């Protein structure tokens, strides 16, 4: 579900860095909320926690890191919080779109992939693929056993 225009306008006065810091700060303060979300698989949750671990250990965010954080806020590991609000009533999605501006998400992804934080996303995707393959193998084993 997309944000309404008035929701995006709440973050319009912030600079790119200020909006990014609001996203990072919210996630660091609310990290435990993801554990309460029953709709997310455990691999996703683990990768999200790993991402925040990497963010905490990164003293200075590069432009690529900022692009990565925004990318994840719109379509990735931080997307679960897209409609969550901070203390000022601004949604994380509004901050992300303020940073994103008129840039397209696919263009943002190219720069985001250069971030050292991208590794957390790669780990999540690899683990998810392994879980899917295990499930497929288990289903095949079940059907072979049942048919014999």
N, C-alpha and C. Protein backbone atom coordinates (compact mmCIF):
# COMPACT_ATOMS: atom_id res chain seq x y z
N UNK A 1 0.84 -1.17 0.00
CA UNK A 1 0.00 0.00 0.00
C UNK A 1 0.89 1.24 0.00
N UNK A 2 0.67 2.11 -0.92
CA UNK A 2 1.50 3.32 -1.09
C UNK A 2 1.14 4.38 -0.04
N UNK A 3 2.06 5.28 0.17
CA UNK A 3 1.81 6.41 1.07
C UNK A 3 0.95 7.45 0.37
N UNK A 4 0.15 8.13 1.14
CA UNK A 4 -0.60 9.26 0.62
C UNK A 4 0.36 10.45 0.48
N UNK A 5 0.03 11.39 -0.40
CA UNK A 5 0.89 12.54 -0.63
C UNK A 5 1.12 13.35 0.65
N UNK A 6 0.07 13.53 1.46
CA UNK A 6 0.24 14.31 2.69
C UNK A 6 1.20 13.62 3.66
N UNK A 7 1.29 12.27 3.60
CA UNK A 7 2.23 11.56 4.46
C UNK A 7 3.67 11.80 4.01
N UNK A 8 3.87 11.82 2.70
CA UNK A 8 5.22 12.09 2.18
C UNK A 8 5.66 13.51 2.50
N UNK A 9 4.71 14.46 2.49
CA UNK A 9 5.05 15.86 2.71
C UNK A 9 5.52 16.14 4.13
N UNK A 10 5.20 15.26 5.08
CA UNK A 10 5.64 15.46 6.46
C UNK A 10 7.16 15.46 6.58
N UNK A 11 7.84 14.74 5.70
CA UNK A 11 9.31 14.62 5.78
C UNK A 11 10.01 15.53 4.79
N UNK A 12 9.27 16.35 4.07
CA UNK A 12 9.85 17.10 2.95
C UNK A 12 10.90 18.14 3.36
N UNK A 13 10.84 18.62 4.59
CA UNK A 13 11.79 19.65 5.02
C UNK A 13 13.15 19.08 5.43
N UNK A 14 13.26 17.77 5.47
CA UNK A 14 14.51 17.15 5.92
C UNK A 14 15.49 16.94 4.77
N UNK A 15 16.77 17.05 5.09
CA UNK A 15 17.80 16.76 4.09
C UNK A 15 17.89 15.25 3.92
N UNK A 16 18.62 14.82 2.92
CA UNK A 16 18.84 13.39 2.65
C UNK A 16 19.44 12.69 3.88
N UNK A 17 20.45 13.30 4.47
CA UNK A 17 21.11 12.69 5.62
C UNK A 17 20.21 12.68 6.86
N UNK A 18 19.46 13.76 7.08
CA UNK A 18 18.56 13.81 8.23
C UNK A 18 17.48 12.73 8.13
N UNK A 19 16.91 12.57 6.96
CA UNK A 19 15.87 11.55 6.76
C UNK A 19 16.44 10.15 6.95
N UNK A 20 17.65 9.92 6.43
CA UNK A 20 18.29 8.61 6.61
C UNK A 20 18.55 8.33 8.08
N UNK A 21 19.04 9.33 8.80
CA UNK A 21 19.29 9.14 10.23
C UNK A 21 18.00 8.83 10.99
N UNK A 22 16.89 9.42 10.59
CA UNK A 22 15.60 9.12 11.22
C UNK A 22 15.23 7.65 11.00
N UNK A 23 15.47 7.14 9.81
CA UNK A 23 15.20 5.73 9.52
C UNK A 23 16.08 4.84 10.37
N UNK A 24 17.38 5.11 10.37
CA UNK A 24 18.34 4.29 11.12
C UNK A 24 18.00 4.32 12.61
N UNK A 25 17.78 5.52 13.14
CA UNK A 25 17.48 5.66 14.57
C UNK A 25 16.23 4.87 14.93
N UNK A 26 15.17 4.96 14.12
CA UNK A 26 13.93 4.25 14.42
C UNK A 26 14.18 2.74 14.46
N UNK A 27 14.90 2.23 13.48
CA UNK A 27 15.15 0.79 13.44
C UNK A 27 16.00 0.33 14.62
N UNK A 28 16.99 1.12 15.00
CA UNK A 28 17.82 0.74 16.14
C UNK A 28 17.01 0.75 17.44
N UNK A 29 16.09 1.72 17.57
CA UNK A 29 15.26 1.82 18.77
C UNK A 29 14.13 0.79 18.79
N UNK A 30 13.71 0.30 17.64
CA UNK A 30 12.55 -0.57 17.55
C UNK A 30 12.86 -1.95 16.99
N UNK A 31 14.11 -2.34 17.05
CA UNK A 31 14.54 -3.61 16.46
C UNK A 31 13.72 -4.79 16.98
N UNK A 32 13.38 -4.79 18.26
CA UNK A 32 12.65 -5.92 18.84
C UNK A 32 11.24 -6.07 18.27
N UNK A 33 10.69 -5.04 17.65
CA UNK A 33 9.34 -5.12 17.10
C UNK A 33 9.22 -6.14 15.98
N UNK A 34 10.30 -6.39 15.27
CA UNK A 34 10.24 -7.36 14.18
C UNK A 34 9.99 -8.77 14.72
N UNK A 35 10.46 -9.03 15.95
CA UNK A 35 10.26 -10.35 16.54
C UNK A 35 8.79 -10.62 16.84
N UNK A 36 8.00 -9.58 16.96
CA UNK A 36 6.57 -9.71 17.25
C UNK A 36 5.74 -9.88 15.99
N UNK A 37 6.36 -9.74 14.84
CA UNK A 37 5.64 -9.82 13.57
C UNK A 37 5.58 -11.28 13.12
N UNK A 38 4.41 -11.87 13.25
CA UNK A 38 4.23 -13.29 12.95
C UNK A 38 4.27 -13.62 11.46
N UNK A 39 4.14 -12.61 10.60
CA UNK A 39 4.05 -12.84 9.16
C UNK A 39 5.41 -12.93 8.47
N UNK A 40 6.47 -12.72 9.22
CA UNK A 40 7.81 -12.75 8.63
C UNK A 40 8.50 -14.06 8.97
N UNK A 41 9.18 -14.65 7.98
CA UNK A 41 9.86 -15.91 8.26
C UNK A 41 11.14 -15.66 9.06
N UNK A 42 11.62 -16.70 9.73
CA UNK A 42 12.76 -16.57 10.65
C UNK A 42 14.04 -16.18 9.92
N UNK A 43 14.19 -16.58 8.68
CA UNK A 43 15.38 -16.21 7.90
C UNK A 43 15.41 -14.71 7.68
N UNK A 44 14.28 -14.13 7.33
CA UNK A 44 14.15 -12.68 7.12
C UNK A 44 14.50 -11.95 8.42
N UNK A 45 13.92 -12.40 9.53
CA UNK A 45 14.15 -11.75 10.83
C UNK A 45 15.63 -11.81 11.20
N UNK A 46 16.24 -12.97 11.00
CA UNK A 46 17.68 -13.12 11.31
C UNK A 46 18.51 -12.16 10.44
N UNK A 47 18.20 -12.08 9.17
CA UNK A 47 18.95 -11.19 8.27
C UNK A 47 18.76 -9.73 8.68
N UNK A 48 17.57 -9.38 9.11
CA UNK A 48 17.29 -8.01 9.57
C UNK A 48 18.17 -7.69 10.79
N UNK A 49 18.24 -8.61 11.75
CA UNK A 49 19.08 -8.39 12.93
C UNK A 49 20.56 -8.29 12.54
N UNK A 50 20.99 -9.10 11.57
CA UNK A 50 22.37 -9.02 11.09
C UNK A 50 22.64 -7.67 10.44
N UNK A 51 21.67 -7.18 9.67
CA UNK A 51 21.81 -5.87 9.03
C UNK A 51 22.02 -4.79 10.09
N UNK A 52 21.21 -4.80 11.14
CA UNK A 52 21.36 -3.78 12.18
C UNK A 52 22.68 -3.92 12.93
N UNK A 53 23.15 -5.14 13.08
CA UNK A 53 24.46 -5.36 13.68
C UNK A 53 25.55 -4.68 12.84
N UNK A 54 25.44 -4.83 11.52
CA UNK A 54 26.40 -4.17 10.61
C UNK A 54 26.27 -2.65 10.67
N UNK A 55 25.05 -2.15 10.76
CA UNK A 55 24.83 -0.70 10.83
C UNK A 55 25.46 -0.15 12.11
N UNK A 56 25.25 -0.85 13.22
CA UNK A 56 25.84 -0.40 14.50
C UNK A 56 27.37 -0.34 14.45
N UNK A 57 27.97 -1.23 13.68
CA UNK A 57 29.44 -1.28 13.64
C UNK A 57 30.02 -0.40 12.53
N UNK A 58 29.16 0.35 11.86
CA UNK A 58 29.61 1.25 10.79
C UNK A 58 29.57 2.68 11.31
N UNK A 59 30.73 3.24 11.67
CA UNK A 59 30.73 4.58 12.27
C UNK A 59 30.31 5.69 11.31
N UNK A 60 30.64 5.54 10.06
CA UNK A 60 30.31 6.57 9.06
C UNK A 60 29.59 5.90 7.90
N UNK A 61 28.45 6.45 7.55
CA UNK A 61 27.69 5.91 6.42
C UNK A 61 28.12 6.59 5.13
N UNK A 62 28.47 5.80 4.14
CA UNK A 62 28.83 6.34 2.83
C UNK A 62 27.55 6.62 2.04
N UNK A 63 27.68 7.24 0.89
CA UNK A 63 26.53 7.46 0.01
C UNK A 63 25.89 6.13 -0.39
N UNK A 64 26.74 5.13 -0.63
CA UNK A 64 26.23 3.80 -0.99
C UNK A 64 25.45 3.18 0.17
N UNK A 65 25.93 3.41 1.40
CA UNK A 65 25.22 2.90 2.58
C UNK A 65 23.85 3.57 2.71
N UNK A 66 23.82 4.88 2.48
CA UNK A 66 22.54 5.61 2.54
C UNK A 66 21.57 5.06 1.50
N UNK A 67 22.06 4.87 0.28
CA UNK A 67 21.21 4.32 -0.78
C UNK A 67 20.72 2.92 -0.41
N UNK A 68 21.59 2.15 0.21
CA UNK A 68 21.22 0.81 0.63
C UNK A 68 20.10 0.85 1.69
N UNK A 69 20.25 1.72 2.68
CA UNK A 69 19.26 1.84 3.74
C UNK A 69 17.90 2.25 3.17
N UNK A 70 17.92 3.18 2.24
CA UNK A 70 16.67 3.61 1.62
C UNK A 70 16.08 2.50 0.77
N UNK A 71 16.91 1.82 0.00
CA UNK A 71 16.45 0.71 -0.83
C UNK A 71 15.77 -0.35 0.04
N UNK A 72 16.42 -0.73 1.12
CA UNK A 72 15.86 -1.74 2.02
C UNK A 72 14.57 -1.26 2.67
N UNK A 73 14.44 0.04 2.89
CA UNK A 73 13.23 0.59 3.50
C UNK A 73 12.03 0.53 2.56
N UNK A 74 12.30 0.53 1.28
CA UNK A 74 11.22 0.52 0.29
C UNK A 74 10.90 -0.89 -0.19
N UNK A 75 11.92 -1.73 -0.41
CA UNK A 75 11.66 -3.05 -1.00
C UNK A 75 12.41 -4.21 -0.34
N UNK A 76 13.01 -4.00 0.82
CA UNK A 76 13.84 -5.07 1.35
C UNK A 76 13.64 -5.39 2.81
N UNK A 77 14.73 -5.57 3.52
CA UNK A 77 14.72 -6.04 4.91
C UNK A 77 14.12 -5.05 5.90
N UNK A 78 13.96 -3.82 5.51
CA UNK A 78 13.33 -2.83 6.39
C UNK A 78 11.91 -2.50 5.95
N UNK A 79 11.46 -3.13 4.90
CA UNK A 79 10.14 -2.82 4.34
C UNK A 79 9.00 -3.09 5.33
N UNK A 80 9.17 -4.05 6.23
CA UNK A 80 8.13 -4.38 7.19
C UNK A 80 7.71 -3.16 8.01
N UNK A 81 8.59 -2.17 8.13
CA UNK A 81 8.30 -0.97 8.94
C UNK A 81 7.88 0.23 8.10
N UNK A 82 7.59 0.02 6.83
CA UNK A 82 7.27 1.10 5.89
C UNK A 82 6.19 2.04 6.43
N UNK A 83 5.15 1.49 7.04
CA UNK A 83 4.04 2.30 7.54
C UNK A 83 4.11 2.56 9.05
N UNK A 84 5.22 2.21 9.68
CA UNK A 84 5.40 2.49 11.10
C UNK A 84 5.82 3.94 11.27
N UNK A 85 5.33 4.57 12.33
CA UNK A 85 5.62 5.98 12.59
C UNK A 85 6.62 6.14 13.72
N UNK A 86 7.39 7.23 13.64
CA UNK A 86 8.27 7.56 14.75
C UNK A 86 7.51 8.44 15.74
N UNK A 87 8.22 8.99 16.73
CA UNK A 87 7.57 9.82 17.76
C UNK A 87 6.92 11.07 17.19
N UNK A 88 7.39 11.53 16.04
CA UNK A 88 6.83 12.75 15.45
C UNK A 88 5.66 12.47 14.53
N UNK A 89 5.31 11.18 14.35
CA UNK A 89 4.18 10.82 13.51
C UNK A 89 4.52 10.65 12.04
N UNK A 90 5.81 10.64 11.73
CA UNK A 90 6.23 10.48 10.33
C UNK A 90 6.54 9.00 10.08
N UNK A 91 6.02 8.47 8.98
CA UNK A 91 6.23 7.07 8.64
C UNK A 91 7.62 6.86 8.03
N UNK A 92 8.17 5.67 8.26
CA UNK A 92 9.48 5.34 7.72
C UNK A 92 9.47 5.45 6.19
N UNK A 93 8.38 5.09 5.56
CA UNK A 93 8.27 5.20 4.11
C UNK A 93 8.38 6.64 3.64
N UNK A 94 7.86 7.57 4.43
CA UNK A 94 7.95 8.99 4.06
C UNK A 94 9.40 9.45 4.09
N UNK A 95 10.13 9.03 5.10
CA UNK A 95 11.55 9.36 5.16
C UNK A 95 12.28 8.77 3.94
N UNK A 96 11.98 7.52 3.65
CA UNK A 96 12.65 6.86 2.52
C UNK A 96 12.38 7.59 1.22
N UNK A 97 11.13 7.99 1.01
CA UNK A 97 10.81 8.68 -0.24
C UNK A 97 11.41 10.08 -0.29
N UNK A 98 11.61 10.70 0.87
CA UNK A 98 12.29 12.00 0.91
C UNK A 98 13.72 11.84 0.42
N UNK A 99 14.40 10.80 0.86
CA UNK A 99 15.77 10.55 0.43
C UNK A 99 15.78 10.13 -1.04
N UNK A 100 14.84 9.28 -1.40
CA UNK A 100 14.75 8.77 -2.76
C UNK A 100 14.50 9.88 -3.77
N UNK A 101 13.65 10.84 -3.41
CA UNK A 101 13.32 11.94 -4.31
C UNK A 101 12.72 11.41 -5.59
N UNK A 102 13.20 11.87 -6.70
CA UNK A 102 12.66 11.44 -7.99
C UNK A 102 13.42 10.25 -8.57
N UNK A 103 14.39 9.75 -7.84
CA UNK A 103 15.19 8.61 -8.31
C UNK A 103 14.34 7.34 -8.32
N UNK A 104 14.57 6.52 -9.30
CA UNK A 104 13.86 5.23 -9.38
C UNK A 104 14.56 4.20 -8.50
N UNK A 105 13.76 3.28 -7.96
CA UNK A 105 14.30 2.28 -7.05
C UNK A 105 15.35 1.41 -7.74
N UNK A 106 15.14 1.06 -9.01
CA UNK A 106 16.12 0.20 -9.69
C UNK A 106 17.47 0.91 -9.85
N UNK A 107 17.46 2.22 -10.06
CA UNK A 107 18.72 2.97 -10.14
C UNK A 107 19.39 3.06 -8.77
N UNK A 108 18.56 3.21 -7.75
CA UNK A 108 19.07 3.25 -6.38
C UNK A 108 19.75 1.93 -6.03
N UNK A 109 19.19 0.83 -6.50
CA UNK A 109 19.73 -0.50 -6.21
C UNK A 109 21.16 -0.65 -6.73
N UNK A 110 21.44 -0.10 -7.88
CA UNK A 110 22.77 -0.20 -8.47
C UNK A 110 23.82 0.39 -7.52
N UNK A 111 23.53 1.56 -6.98
CA UNK A 111 24.47 2.19 -6.06
C UNK A 111 24.45 1.47 -4.70
N UNK A 112 23.27 1.01 -4.28
CA UNK A 112 23.14 0.31 -3.00
C UNK A 112 23.97 -0.97 -2.97
N UNK A 113 24.09 -1.63 -4.11
CA UNK A 113 24.86 -2.88 -4.17
C UNK A 113 26.34 -2.67 -3.90
N UNK A 114 26.81 -1.45 -3.99
CA UNK A 114 28.21 -1.14 -3.70
C UNK A 114 28.46 -0.98 -2.20
N UNK A 115 27.39 -0.92 -1.42
CA UNK A 115 27.51 -0.74 0.02
C UNK A 115 28.02 -2.01 0.70
N UNK A 116 28.83 -1.82 1.72
CA UNK A 116 29.30 -2.99 2.49
C UNK A 116 28.15 -3.62 3.27
N UNK A 117 27.05 -2.89 3.44
CA UNK A 117 25.88 -3.42 4.15
C UNK A 117 25.09 -4.41 3.28
N UNK A 118 25.35 -4.40 1.97
CA UNK A 118 24.64 -5.28 1.04
C UNK A 118 24.85 -6.76 1.40
N UNK A 119 25.96 -7.07 2.06
CA UNK A 119 26.27 -8.46 2.42
C UNK A 119 25.17 -9.08 3.27
N UNK A 120 24.55 -8.31 4.15
CA UNK A 120 23.47 -8.84 4.99
C UNK A 120 22.30 -9.30 4.13
N UNK A 121 22.03 -8.55 3.08
CA UNK A 121 20.93 -8.92 2.18
C UNK A 121 21.29 -10.20 1.41
N UNK A 122 22.53 -10.27 0.94
CA UNK A 122 22.97 -11.47 0.23
C UNK A 122 22.86 -12.71 1.11
N UNK A 123 23.24 -12.57 2.38
CA UNK A 123 23.15 -13.69 3.31
C UNK A 123 21.70 -14.14 3.47
N UNK A 124 20.79 -13.19 3.55
CA UNK A 124 19.36 -13.51 3.68
C UNK A 124 18.88 -14.27 2.45
N UNK A 125 19.22 -13.78 1.27
CA UNK A 125 18.75 -14.41 0.05
C UNK A 125 19.32 -15.83 -0.11
N UNK A 126 20.59 -16.01 0.25
CA UNK A 126 21.18 -17.35 0.20
C UNK A 126 20.48 -18.30 1.17
N UNK A 127 20.24 -17.83 2.39
CA UNK A 127 19.58 -18.68 3.39
C UNK A 127 18.16 -19.01 2.96
N UNK A 128 17.46 -18.05 2.40
CA UNK A 128 16.09 -18.30 1.94
C UNK A 128 16.09 -19.33 0.81
N UNK A 129 17.03 -19.20 -0.11
CA UNK A 129 17.12 -20.17 -1.22
C UNK A 129 17.42 -21.57 -0.67
N UNK A 130 18.29 -21.66 0.31
CA UNK A 130 18.60 -22.97 0.91
C UNK A 130 17.36 -23.57 1.57
N UNK A 131 16.58 -22.74 2.27
CA UNK A 131 15.36 -23.23 2.92
C UNK A 131 14.34 -23.71 1.89
N UNK A 132 14.22 -22.98 0.79
CA UNK A 132 13.29 -23.38 -0.27
C UNK A 132 13.73 -24.71 -0.87
N UNK A 133 15.03 -24.85 -1.14
CA UNK A 133 15.55 -26.10 -1.70
C UNK A 133 15.35 -27.27 -0.75
N UNK A 134 15.56 -27.05 0.56
CA UNK A 134 15.33 -28.11 1.54
C UNK A 134 13.87 -28.54 1.53
N UNK A 135 12.98 -27.56 1.47
CA UNK A 135 11.54 -27.87 1.46
C UNK A 135 11.16 -28.66 0.21
N UNK A 136 11.73 -28.28 -0.93
CA UNK A 136 11.45 -29.01 -2.17
C UNK A 136 11.96 -30.43 -2.08
N UNK A 137 13.20 -30.59 -1.57
CA UNK A 137 13.76 -31.94 -1.42
C UNK A 137 12.90 -32.78 -0.48
N UNK A 138 12.44 -32.16 0.61
CA UNK A 138 11.60 -32.87 1.56
C UNK A 138 10.29 -33.31 0.93
N UNK A 139 9.70 -32.46 0.10
CA UNK A 139 8.45 -32.80 -0.58
C UNK A 139 8.68 -33.93 -1.57
N UNK A 140 9.80 -33.88 -2.29
CA UNK A 140 10.10 -34.95 -3.25
C UNK A 140 10.33 -36.27 -2.52
N UNK A 141 11.07 -36.23 -1.41
CA UNK A 141 11.30 -37.45 -0.63
C UNK A 141 9.99 -38.02 -0.12
N UNK A 142 9.09 -37.14 0.31
CA UNK A 142 7.80 -37.59 0.82
C UNK A 142 7.00 -38.29 -0.28
N UNK A 143 6.95 -37.68 -1.46
CA UNK A 143 6.20 -38.26 -2.56
C UNK A 143 6.82 -39.58 -3.04
N UNK A 144 8.14 -39.66 -3.05
CA UNK A 144 8.80 -40.91 -3.46
C UNK A 144 8.51 -42.02 -2.45
N UNK A 145 8.54 -41.71 -1.17
CA UNK A 145 8.26 -42.69 -0.13
C UNK A 145 6.81 -43.15 -0.20
N UNK A 146 5.92 -42.20 -0.42
CA UNK A 146 4.49 -42.50 -0.46
C UNK A 146 4.13 -43.38 -1.68
N UNK A 147 4.82 -43.17 -2.79
CA UNK A 147 4.49 -43.91 -4.02
C UNK A 147 5.10 -45.32 -4.05
N UNK A 148 6.05 -45.60 -3.18
CA UNK A 148 6.67 -46.94 -3.19
C UNK A 148 6.03 -47.88 -2.23
